[in-house]
C-alpha atoms as a PDB file:
ATOM      1  CA  UNK A   1      61.697 -87.927 139.298  1.00  0.00           C
ATOM      2  CA  UNK A   2      65.544 -88.847 139.269  1.00  0.00           C
ATOM      3  CA  UNK A   3      66.356 -91.810 137.228  1.00  0.00           C
ATOM      4  CA  UNK A   4      69.273 -93.821 136.803  1.00  0.00           C
ATOM      5  CA  UNK A   5      70.073 -94.488 133.063  1.00  0.00           C
ATOM      6  CA  UNK A   6      73.052 -96.779 133.592  1.00  0.00           C
ATOM      7  CA  UNK A   7      74.758 -97.673 136.815  1.00  0.00           C
ATOM      8  CA  UNK A   8      78.177 -99.450 137.691  1.00  0.00           C
ATOM      9  CA  UNK A   9      80.111 -97.208 135.192  1.00  0.00           C
ATOM     10  CA  UNK A  10      83.812 -96.417 135.715  1.00  0.00           C
ATOM     11  CA  UNK A  11      84.122 -92.614 136.470  1.00  0.00           C
ATOM     12  CA  UNK A  12      81.811 -91.422 133.503  1.00  0.00           C
ATOM     13  CA  UNK A  13      82.719 -87.777 132.640  1.00  0.00           C
ATOM     14  CA  UNK A  14      81.443 -86.160 129.454  1.00  0.00           C
ATOM     15  CA  UNK A  15      78.186 -86.840 128.122  1.00  0.00           C
ATOM     16  CA  UNK A  16      76.354 -85.710 124.656  1.00  0.00           C
ATOM     17  CA  UNK A  17      73.267 -86.882 122.898  1.00  0.00           C
ATOM     18  CA  UNK A  18      71.296 -87.013 119.521  1.00  0.00           C
ATOM     19  CA  UNK A  19      67.733 -87.694 118.895  1.00  0.00           C
ATOM     20  CA  UNK A  20      68.159 -91.438 119.803  1.00  0.00           C
ATOM     21  CA  UNK A  21      71.416 -92.068 121.723  1.00  0.00           C
ATOM     22  CA  UNK A  22      73.610 -91.342 124.753  1.00  0.00           C
ATOM     23  CA  UNK A  23      77.124 -91.110 124.565  1.00  0.00           C
ATOM     24  CA  UNK A  24      79.546 -90.642 127.476  1.00  0.00           C
ATOM     25  CA  UNK A  25      83.184 -91.026 128.196  1.00  0.00           C
ATOM     26  CA  UNK A  26      84.523 -93.516 130.855  1.00  0.00           C
ATOM     27  CA  UNK A  27      87.888 -92.284 132.497  1.00  0.00           C
ATOM     28  CA  UNK A  28      88.769 -95.461 134.542  1.00  0.00           C
ATOM     29  CA  UNK A  29      88.546 -98.063 131.433  1.00  0.00           C
ATOM     30  CA  UNK A  30      89.496 -95.485 128.737  1.00  0.00           C
ATOM     31  CA  UNK A  31      86.223 -95.922 126.669  1.00  0.00           C
ATOM     32  CA  UNK A  32      83.419 -94.092 125.050  1.00  0.00           C
ATOM     33  CA  UNK A  33      80.179 -95.687 125.583  1.00  0.00           C
ATOM     34  CA  UNK A  34      76.747 -95.368 124.090  1.00  0.00           C
ATOM     35  CA  UNK A  35      73.295 -96.307 124.812  1.00  0.00           C
ATOM     36  CA  UNK A  36      69.672 -95.977 123.462  1.00  0.00           C
ATOM     37  CA  UNK A  37      67.794 -93.094 125.214  1.00  0.00           C
ATOM     38  CA  UNK A  38      64.874 -95.291 125.204  1.00  0.00           C
ATOM     39  CA  UNK A  39      66.755 -98.011 127.293  1.00  0.00           C
ATOM     40  CA  UNK A  40      68.997-100.891 126.392  1.00  0.00           C
ATOM     41  CA  UNK A  41      72.496-102.277 126.608  1.00  0.00           C
ATOM     42  CA  UNK A  42      75.549-100.055 127.183  1.00  0.00           C
ATOM     43  CA  UNK A  43      77.748-100.746 124.196  1.00  0.00           C
ATOM     44  CA  UNK A  44      81.348 -99.722 123.540  1.00  0.00           C
ATOM     45  CA  UNK A  45      82.048 -97.131 120.737  1.00  0.00           C
ATOM     46  CA  UNK A  46      85.754 -96.849 121.145  1.00  0.00           C
ATOM     47  CA  UNK A  47      88.306 -98.239 123.763  1.00  0.00           C
ATOM     48  CA  UNK A  48      92.103 -98.002 124.570  1.00  0.00           C
ATOM     49  CA  UNK A  49      91.750 -94.021 124.801  1.00  0.00           C
ATOM     50  CA  UNK A  50      94.072 -91.869 127.163  1.00  0.00           C
ATOM     51  CA  UNK A  51      91.665 -90.598 130.078  1.00  0.00           C
ATOM     52  CA  UNK A  52      88.760 -89.366 127.628  1.00  0.00           C
ATOM     53  CA  UNK A  53      86.840 -86.296 128.889  1.00  0.00           C
ATOM     54  CA  UNK A  54      84.373 -84.217 126.934  1.00  0.00           C
ATOM     55  CA  UNK A  55      82.468 -85.718 124.023  1.00  0.00           C
ATOM     56  CA  UNK A  56      80.343 -84.087 121.210  1.00  0.00           C
ATOM     57  CA  UNK A  57      78.384 -85.708 118.610  1.00  0.00           C
ATOM     58  CA  UNK A  58      77.307 -84.684 114.756  1.00  0.00           C
ATOM     59  CA  UNK A  59      74.872 -86.749 112.535  1.00  0.00           C
ATOM     60  CA  UNK A  60      77.742 -89.288 111.661  1.00  0.00           C
ATOM     61  CA  UNK A  61      80.694 -89.165 114.152  1.00  0.00           C
ATOM     62  CA  UNK A  62      81.459 -88.900 117.793  1.00  0.00           C
ATOM     63  CA  UNK A  63      84.415 -86.555 118.898  1.00  0.00           C
ATOM     64  CA  UNK A  64      86.196 -86.574 122.294  1.00  0.00           C
ATOM     65  CA  UNK A  65      89.048 -85.032 124.251  1.00  0.00           C
ATOM     66  CA  UNK A  66      91.732 -87.219 125.694  1.00  0.00           C
ATOM     67  CA  UNK A  67      93.159 -85.459 128.793  1.00  0.00           C
ATOM     68  CA  UNK A  68      95.901 -87.867 129.201  1.00  0.00           C
ATOM     69  CA  UNK A  69      97.684 -87.292 125.822  1.00  0.00           C
ATOM     70  CA  UNK A  70      96.131 -83.946 124.482  1.00  0.00           C
ATOM     71  CA  UNK A  71      94.465 -85.634 121.498  1.00  0.00           C
ATOM     72  CA  UNK A  72      91.079 -85.021 120.030  1.00  0.00           C
ATOM     73  CA  UNK A  73      89.657 -88.227 118.312  1.00  0.00           C
ATOM     74  CA  UNK A  74      86.749 -89.088 116.267  1.00  0.00           C
ATOM     75  CA  UNK A  75      84.868 -92.319 115.347  1.00  0.00           C
ATOM     76  CA  UNK A  76      81.766 -93.345 113.169  1.00  0.00           C
ATOM     77  CA  UNK A  77      78.740 -93.591 115.531  1.00  0.00           C
ATOM     78  CA  UNK A  78      78.218 -96.961 113.862  1.00  0.00           C
ATOM     79  CA  UNK A  79      81.608 -98.118 115.294  1.00  0.00           C
ATOM     80  CA  UNK A  80      84.922 -98.474 113.590  1.00  0.00           C
ATOM     81  CA  UNK A  81      88.687 -97.318 114.060  1.00  0.00           C
ATOM     82  CA  UNK A  82      89.192 -93.973 115.837  1.00  0.00           C
ATOM     83  CA  UNK A  83      91.284 -91.229 113.977  1.00  0.00           C
ATOM     84  CA  UNK A  84      93.329 -88.332 115.189  1.00  0.00           C
ATOM     85  CA  UNK A  85      91.540 -84.980 114.650  1.00  0.00           C
ATOM     86  CA  UNK A  86      94.017 -82.683 116.620  1.00  0.00           C
ATOM     87  CA  UNK A  87      96.789 -82.972 119.138  1.00  0.00           C
ATOM     88  CA  UNK A  88      98.152 -80.526 121.785  1.00  0.00           C
ATOM     89  CA  UNK A  89      94.433 -80.022 122.856  1.00  0.00           C
ATOM     90  CA  UNK A  90      93.249 -78.994 126.271  1.00  0.00           C
ATOM     91  CA  UNK A  91      90.598 -81.443 127.588  1.00  0.00           C
ATOM     92  CA  UNK A  92      87.975 -78.980 128.842  1.00  0.00           C
ATOM     93  CA  UNK A  93      86.720 -77.403 125.544  1.00  0.00           C
ATOM     94  CA  UNK A  94      85.018 -79.029 122.632  1.00  0.00           C
ATOM     95  CA  UNK A  95      82.339 -77.824 120.319  1.00  0.00           C
ATOM     96  CA  UNK A  96      81.194 -78.477 116.605  1.00  0.00           C
ATOM     97  CA  UNK A  97      79.669 -76.704 113.821  1.00  0.00           C
ATOM     98  CA  UNK A  98      79.000 -78.290 110.266  1.00  0.00           C
ATOM     99  CA  UNK A  99      82.560 -78.122 109.255  1.00  0.00           C
ATOM    100  CA  UNK A 100      85.044 -77.993 112.162  1.00  0.00           C
ATOM    101  CA  UNK A 101      85.967 -78.946 115.575  1.00  0.00           C
ATOM    102  CA  UNK A 102      86.484 -76.061 118.048  1.00  0.00           C
ATOM    103  CA  UNK A 103      88.984 -76.655 121.050  1.00  0.00           C
ATOM    104  CA  UNK A 104      91.470 -74.894 123.065  1.00  0.00           C
ATOM    105  CA  UNK A 105      95.214 -75.331 123.942  1.00  0.00           C
ATOM    106  CA  UNK A 106      96.659 -73.798 127.171  1.00  0.00           C
ATOM    107  CA  UNK A 107      96.673 -70.338 125.461  1.00  0.00           C
ATOM    108  CA  UNK A 108      94.858 -70.340 122.341  1.00  0.00           C
ATOM    109  CA  UNK A 109      91.379 -71.068 120.947  1.00  0.00           C
ATOM    110  CA  UNK A 110      91.649 -73.205 117.702  1.00  0.00           C
ATOM    111  CA  UNK A 111      89.511 -74.904 115.106  1.00  0.00           C
ATOM    112  CA  UNK A 112      90.298 -77.775 112.724  1.00  0.00           C
ATOM    113  CA  UNK A 113      88.353 -79.561 110.011  1.00  0.00           C
ATOM    114  CA  UNK A 114      86.431 -82.410 111.343  1.00  0.00           C
ATOM    115  CA  UNK A 115      88.086 -84.809 108.816  1.00  0.00           C
ATOM    116  CA  UNK A 116      91.464 -84.181 110.519  1.00  0.00           C
ATOM    117  CA  UNK A 117      94.613 -84.303 108.705  1.00  0.00           C
ATOM    118  CA  UNK A 118      94.736 -80.514 107.942  1.00  0.00           C
ATOM    119  CA  UNK A 119      96.582 -77.914 110.076  1.00  0.00           C
ATOM    120  CA  UNK A 120      94.556 -76.606 112.902  1.00  0.00           C
ATOM    121  CA  UNK A 121      93.860 -72.692 112.712  1.00  0.00           C
ATOM    122  CA  UNK A 122      94.490 -70.241 115.463  1.00  0.00           C
ATOM    123  CA  UNK A 123      91.321 -68.083 116.056  1.00  0.00           C
ATOM    124  CA  UNK A 124      92.306 -66.125 119.316  1.00  0.00           C
ATOM    125  CA  UNK A 125      94.714 -66.178 122.268  1.00  0.00           C
ATOM    126  CA  UNK A 126      93.208 -66.627 125.695  1.00  0.00           C
ATOM    127  CA  UNK A 127      94.522 -66.803 129.395  1.00  0.00           C
ATOM    128  CA  UNK A 128      93.617 -70.215 130.693  1.00  0.00           C
ATOM    129  CA  UNK A 129      90.725 -71.038 128.516  1.00  0.00           C
ATOM    130  CA  UNK A 130      88.220 -73.714 129.630  1.00  0.00           C
ATOM    131  CA  UNK A 131      84.927 -74.180 128.057  1.00  0.00           C
ATOM    132  CA  UNK A 132      83.841 -73.447 124.396  1.00  0.00           C
ATOM    133  CA  UNK A 133      80.501 -73.181 122.525  1.00  0.00           C
ATOM    134  CA  UNK A 134      80.130 -72.391 118.995  1.00  0.00           C
ATOM    135  CA  UNK A 135      76.925 -70.875 118.019  1.00  0.00           C
ATOM    136  CA  UNK A 136      76.438 -69.205 114.412  1.00  0.00           C
ATOM    137  CA  UNK A 137      79.224 -66.972 113.533  1.00  0.00           C
ATOM    138  CA  UNK A 138      80.510 -66.905 116.810  1.00  0.00           C
ATOM    139  CA  UNK A 139      82.776 -68.842 119.265  1.00  0.00           C
ATOM    140  CA  UNK A 140      82.119 -68.176 123.062  1.00  0.00           C
ATOM    141  CA  UNK A 141      84.743 -69.218 125.492  1.00  0.00           C
ATOM    142  CA  UNK A 142      85.584 -68.946 129.307  1.00  0.00           C
ATOM    143  CA  UNK A 143      88.804 -67.741 130.313  1.00  0.00           C
ATOM    144  CA  UNK A 144      90.428 -66.677 133.761  1.00  0.00           C
ATOM    145  CA  UNK A 145      93.031 -63.956 133.220  1.00  0.00           C
ATOM    146  CA  UNK A 146      95.272 -63.111 136.011  1.00  0.00           C
ATOM    147  CA  UNK A 147      93.965 -60.120 137.801  1.00  0.00           C
ATOM    148  CA  UNK A 148      90.438 -60.391 135.954  1.00  0.00           C
ATOM    149  CA  UNK A 149      88.864 -63.474 137.257  1.00  0.00           C
ATOM    150  CA  UNK A 150      86.275 -65.810 135.587  1.00  0.00           C
ATOM    151  CA  UNK A 151      85.509 -64.420 132.145  1.00  0.00           C
ATOM    152  CA  UNK A 152      83.518 -65.053 128.996  1.00  0.00           C
ATOM    153  CA  UNK A 153      84.426 -63.941 125.680  1.00  0.00           C
ATOM    154  CA  UNK A 154      83.332 -64.207 121.975  1.00  0.00           C
ATOM    155  CA  UNK A 155      85.316 -64.242 118.840  1.00  0.00           C
ATOM    156  CA  UNK A 156      84.287 -64.693 114.973  1.00  0.00           C
ATOM    157  CA  UNK A 157      84.508 -68.368 113.910  1.00  0.00           C
ATOM    158  CA  UNK A 158      87.040 -66.870 111.276  1.00  0.00           C
ATOM    159  CA  UNK A 159      89.280 -65.656 113.957  1.00  0.00           C
ATOM    160  CA  UNK A 160      89.932 -62.041 115.218  1.00  0.00           C
ATOM    161  CA  UNK A 161      90.230 -60.172 118.592  1.00  0.00           C
ATOM    162  CA  UNK A 162      87.980 -61.506 121.250  1.00  0.00           C
ATOM    163  CA  UNK A 163      85.293 -59.346 122.778  1.00  0.00           C
ATOM    164  CA  UNK A 164      85.213 -59.485 126.583  1.00  0.00           C
ATOM    165  CA  UNK A 165      81.371 -60.101 127.538  1.00  0.00           C
ATOM    166  CA  UNK A 166      81.521 -60.167 131.154  1.00  0.00           C
ATOM    167  CA  UNK A 167      83.229 -61.370 134.417  1.00  0.00           C
ATOM    168  CA  UNK A 168      82.071 -62.994 137.497  1.00  0.00           C
ATOM    169  CA  UNK A 169      83.520 -63.159 141.113  1.00  0.00           C
ATOM    170  CA  UNK A 170      83.863 -66.848 141.589  1.00  0.00           C
ATOM    171  CA  UNK A 171      87.145 -69.194 141.104  1.00  0.00           C
ATOM    172  CA  UNK A 172      87.239 -70.991 137.802  1.00  0.00           C
ATOM    173  CA  UNK A 173      84.958 -70.873 134.849  1.00  0.00           C
ATOM    174  CA  UNK A 174      84.000 -74.512 134.566  1.00  0.00           C
ATOM    175  CA  UNK A 175      80.386 -74.084 133.045  1.00  0.00           C
ATOM    176  CA  UNK A 176      79.344 -72.543 129.553  1.00  0.00           C
ATOM    177  CA  UNK A 177      75.744 -72.620 127.884  1.00  0.00           C
ATOM    178  CA  UNK A 178      74.652 -70.258 125.232  1.00  0.00           C
ATOM    179  CA  UNK A 179      71.034 -69.674 124.026  1.00  0.00           C
ATOM    180  CA  UNK A 180      69.441 -67.712 121.066  1.00  0.00           C
ATOM    181  CA  UNK A 181      69.663 -64.481 123.191  1.00  0.00           C
ATOM    182  CA  UNK A 182      72.075 -65.105 126.254  1.00  0.00           C
ATOM    183  CA  UNK A 183      75.407 -66.547 127.483  1.00  0.00           C
ATOM    184  CA  UNK A 184      75.518 -68.204 130.750  1.00  0.00           C
ATOM    185  CA  UNK A 185      78.457 -69.551 132.947  1.00  0.00           C
ATOM    186  CA  UNK A 186      79.174 -71.061 135.997  1.00  0.00           C
ATOM    187  CA  UNK A 187      82.447 -70.479 138.181  1.00  0.00           C
ATOM    188  CA  UNK A 188      82.070 -72.736 141.339  1.00  0.00           C
ATOM    189  CA  UNK A 189      80.320 -70.008 143.480  1.00  0.00           C
ATOM    190  CA  UNK A 190      77.953 -68.126 140.737  1.00  0.00           C
ATOM    191  CA  UNK A 191      75.821 -68.625 137.858  1.00  0.00           C
ATOM    192  CA  UNK A 192      75.932 -65.644 135.685  1.00  0.00           C
ATOM    193  CA  UNK A 193      74.243 -64.160 132.465  1.00  0.00           C
ATOM    194  CA  UNK A 194      74.924 -61.604 129.860  1.00  0.00           C
ATOM    195  CA  UNK A 195      73.496 -60.963 126.444  1.00  0.00           C
ATOM    196  CA  UNK A 196      75.280 -62.546 123.458  1.00  0.00           C
ATOM    197  CA  UNK A 197      76.833 -59.360 122.407  1.00  0.00           C
ATOM    198  CA  UNK A 198      77.564 -58.198 125.739  1.00  0.00           C
ATOM    199  CA  UNK A 199      77.520 -54.358 126.179  1.00  0.00           C
ATOM    200  CA  UNK A 200      75.749 -54.382 129.821  1.00  0.00           C
ATOM    201  CA  UNK A 201      77.120 -55.709 133.110  1.00  0.00           C
ATOM    202  CA  UNK A 202      76.496 -59.478 133.613  1.00  0.00           C
ATOM    203  CA  UNK A 203      73.517 -60.523 135.814  1.00  0.00           C
ATOM    204  CA  UNK A 204      74.345 -62.798 138.745  1.00  0.00           C
ATOM    205  CA  UNK A 205      71.195 -65.337 138.611  1.00  0.00           C
ATOM    206  CA  UNK A 206      72.530 -67.491 141.498  1.00  0.00           C
ATOM    207  CA  UNK A 207      75.079 -67.446 144.261  1.00  0.00           C
ATOM    208  CA  UNK A 208      75.602 -71.036 144.874  1.00  0.00           C
ATOM    209  CA  UNK A 209      78.726 -72.861 146.098  1.00  0.00           C
ATOM    210  CA  UNK A 210      79.614 -75.779 144.033  1.00  0.00           C
ATOM    211  CA  UNK A 211      77.813 -74.331 140.825  1.00  0.00           C
ATOM    212  CA  UNK A 212      80.480 -75.888 138.340  1.00  0.00           C
ATOM    213  CA  UNK A 213      78.184 -77.012 135.498  1.00  0.00           C
ATOM    214  CA  UNK A 214      75.522 -75.025 133.781  1.00  0.00           C
ATOM    215  CA  UNK A 215      73.071 -75.804 130.804  1.00  0.00           C
ATOM    216  CA  UNK A 216      70.372 -73.893 129.147  1.00  0.00           C
ATOM    217  CA  UNK A 217      67.620 -73.952 126.627  1.00  0.00           C
ATOM    218  CA  UNK A 218      65.406 -71.323 125.516  1.00  0.00           C
ATOM    219  CA  UNK A 219      63.060 -71.258 128.515  1.00  0.00           C
ATOM    220  CA  UNK A 220      65.248 -72.033 131.550  1.00  0.00           C
ATOM    221  CA  UNK A 221      69.028 -72.507 132.749  1.00  0.00           C
ATOM    222  CA  UNK A 222      70.044 -75.300 134.992  1.00  0.00           C
ATOM    223  CA  UNK A 223      72.793 -75.992 137.075  1.00  0.00           C
ATOM    224  CA  UNK A 224      74.454 -78.242 139.773  1.00  0.00           C
ATOM    225  CA  UNK A 225      74.218 -76.404 143.026  1.00  0.00           C
ATOM    226  CA  UNK A 226      75.836 -76.891 146.518  1.00  0.00           C
ATOM    227  CA  UNK A 227      76.945 -80.261 145.402  1.00  0.00           C
ATOM    228  CA  UNK A 228      73.435 -81.676 146.540  1.00  0.00           C
ATOM    229  CA  UNK A 229      70.955 -80.561 143.942  1.00  0.00           C
ATOM    230  CA  UNK A 230      70.144 -79.381 140.553  1.00  0.00           C
ATOM    231  CA  UNK A 231      68.390 -76.109 140.306  1.00  0.00           C
ATOM    232  CA  UNK A 232      66.303 -74.669 137.504  1.00  0.00           C
ATOM    233  CA  UNK A 233      65.777 -70.923 136.779  1.00  0.00           C
ATOM    234  CA  UNK A 234      63.158 -70.126 134.057  1.00  0.00           C
ATOM    235  CA  UNK A 235      64.341 -66.999 132.043  1.00  0.00           C
ATOM    236  CA  UNK A 236      63.031 -64.217 133.892  1.00  0.00           C
ATOM    237  CA  UNK A 237      61.900 -66.370 136.707  1.00  0.00           C
ATOM    238  CA  UNK A 238      62.852 -67.391 140.229  1.00  0.00           C
ATOM    239  CA  UNK A 239      65.263 -70.384 140.665  1.00  0.00           C
ATOM    240  CA  UNK A 240      64.016 -73.502 142.462  1.00  0.00           C
ATOM    241  CA  UNK A 241      65.384 -77.011 143.117  1.00  0.00           C
ATOM    242  CA  UNK A 242      64.549 -79.350 140.113  1.00  0.00           C
ATOM    243  CA  UNK A 243      65.815 -82.591 141.754  1.00  0.00           C
ATOM    244  CA  UNK A 244      67.889 -83.401 144.738  1.00  0.00           C
ATOM    245  CA  UNK A 245      70.957 -85.420 143.526  1.00  0.00           C
ATOM    246  CA  UNK A 246      73.154 -85.816 146.542  1.00  0.00           C
ATOM    247  CA  UNK A 247      76.131 -88.049 145.477  1.00  0.00           C
ATOM    248  CA  UNK A 248      74.668 -88.221 142.123  1.00  0.00           C
ATOM    249  CA  UNK A 249      75.268 -84.441 141.052  1.00  0.00           C
ATOM    250  CA  UNK A 250      76.345 -83.643 137.341  1.00  0.00           C
ATOM    251  CA  UNK A 251      79.699 -83.921 136.220  1.00  0.00           C
ATOM    252  CA  UNK A 252      78.681 -82.831 132.742  1.00  0.00           C
ATOM    253  CA  UNK A 253      75.317 -82.318 131.223  1.00  0.00           C
ATOM    254  CA  UNK A 254      73.416 -83.203 128.083  1.00  0.00           C
ATOM    255  CA  UNK A 255      69.770 -82.391 127.344  1.00  0.00           C
ATOM    256  CA  UNK A 256      67.070 -82.679 124.682  1.00  0.00           C
ATOM    257  CA  UNK A 257      63.608 -81.262 124.574  1.00  0.00           C
ATOM    258  CA  UNK A 258      62.052 -82.843 127.841  1.00  0.00           C
ATOM    259  CA  UNK A 259      65.014 -84.356 129.765  1.00  0.00           C
ATOM    260  CA  UNK A 260      68.384 -83.475 131.394  1.00  0.00           C
ATOM    261  CA  UNK A 261      71.141 -86.178 131.342  1.00  0.00           C
ATOM    262  CA  UNK A 262      74.218 -85.966 133.332  1.00  0.00           C
ATOM    263  CA  UNK A 263      77.226 -88.196 134.294  1.00  0.00           C
ATOM    264  CA  UNK A 264      77.836 -88.661 138.009  1.00  0.00           C
ATOM    265  CA  UNK A 265      81.536 -89.360 138.742  1.00  0.00           C
ATOM    266  CA  UNK A 266      81.155 -90.016 142.419  1.00  0.00           C
ATOM    267  CA  UNK A 267      78.071 -92.186 142.003  1.00  0.00           C
ATOM    268  CA  UNK A 268      79.432 -94.191 138.866  1.00  0.00           C
ATOM    269  CA  UNK A 269      76.206 -93.557 137.042  1.00  0.00           C
ATOM    270  CA  UNK A 270      74.421 -91.664 134.272  1.00  0.00           C
ATOM    271  CA  UNK A 271      71.329 -90.083 135.282  1.00  0.00           C
ATOM    272  CA  UNK A 272      68.358 -88.317 134.063  1.00  0.00           C
ATOM    273  CA  UNK A 273      65.409 -86.192 135.172  1.00  0.00           C
ATOM    274  CA  UNK A 274      62.501 -84.571 133.597  1.00  0.00           C
ATOM    275  CA  UNK A 275      62.776 -80.822 132.740  1.00  0.00           C
END
């Protein structure tokens, strides 16, 4: 059943979670907000930001992109003064491992030490990069080279020449998810899948106008479809509608073992549904 976690929000965008807490960005009032997953008050973790967009968390800190000034900032999960991690960053890509923050500029895939203060390291060049997921020794990212179309690549976390894993036929690759076996991306018209190492043609698992966001776990892939519903497709199975969301459809996804969470920009809310 579709449930509202927090309503009357001010243009919520990025969302992330740990075992106990949800975190999201609020574009209209330039804040990073938190709320216990079990329910409770919405609290402000950071304020006075610049159009905050994506957010990610580790065991001790929250990190986010600021679309307004191209910065990546972080703050302790317990609260405190935000610190600069990187500048000249694009707003659409953010991922973490134990040591680094991974992000993109307008033409490059980058990483920087979580503590900030050190120079960022260039991993690869890319044409119009958008989404980034780091998993193990690889950084997966979407891009849209002219004449090629929505594409997904991977490059070692130490840097190198990117490997093209696959392309799709939609418009802009705005969603990316990676499991232990596969990479999924959404481009506004299609949801596609390819093995982690590529080597075979991608599989189109859905043709769905408005499929901009995608997330996946080890049992299924989920996406917002036709701007009116969230779809679920078990791996190797058939897609079905998980929930009708109408104006409360996802801006960005987060998940845990049992629930999907998302921000709804148009409905000014944070939502959830059982997987």
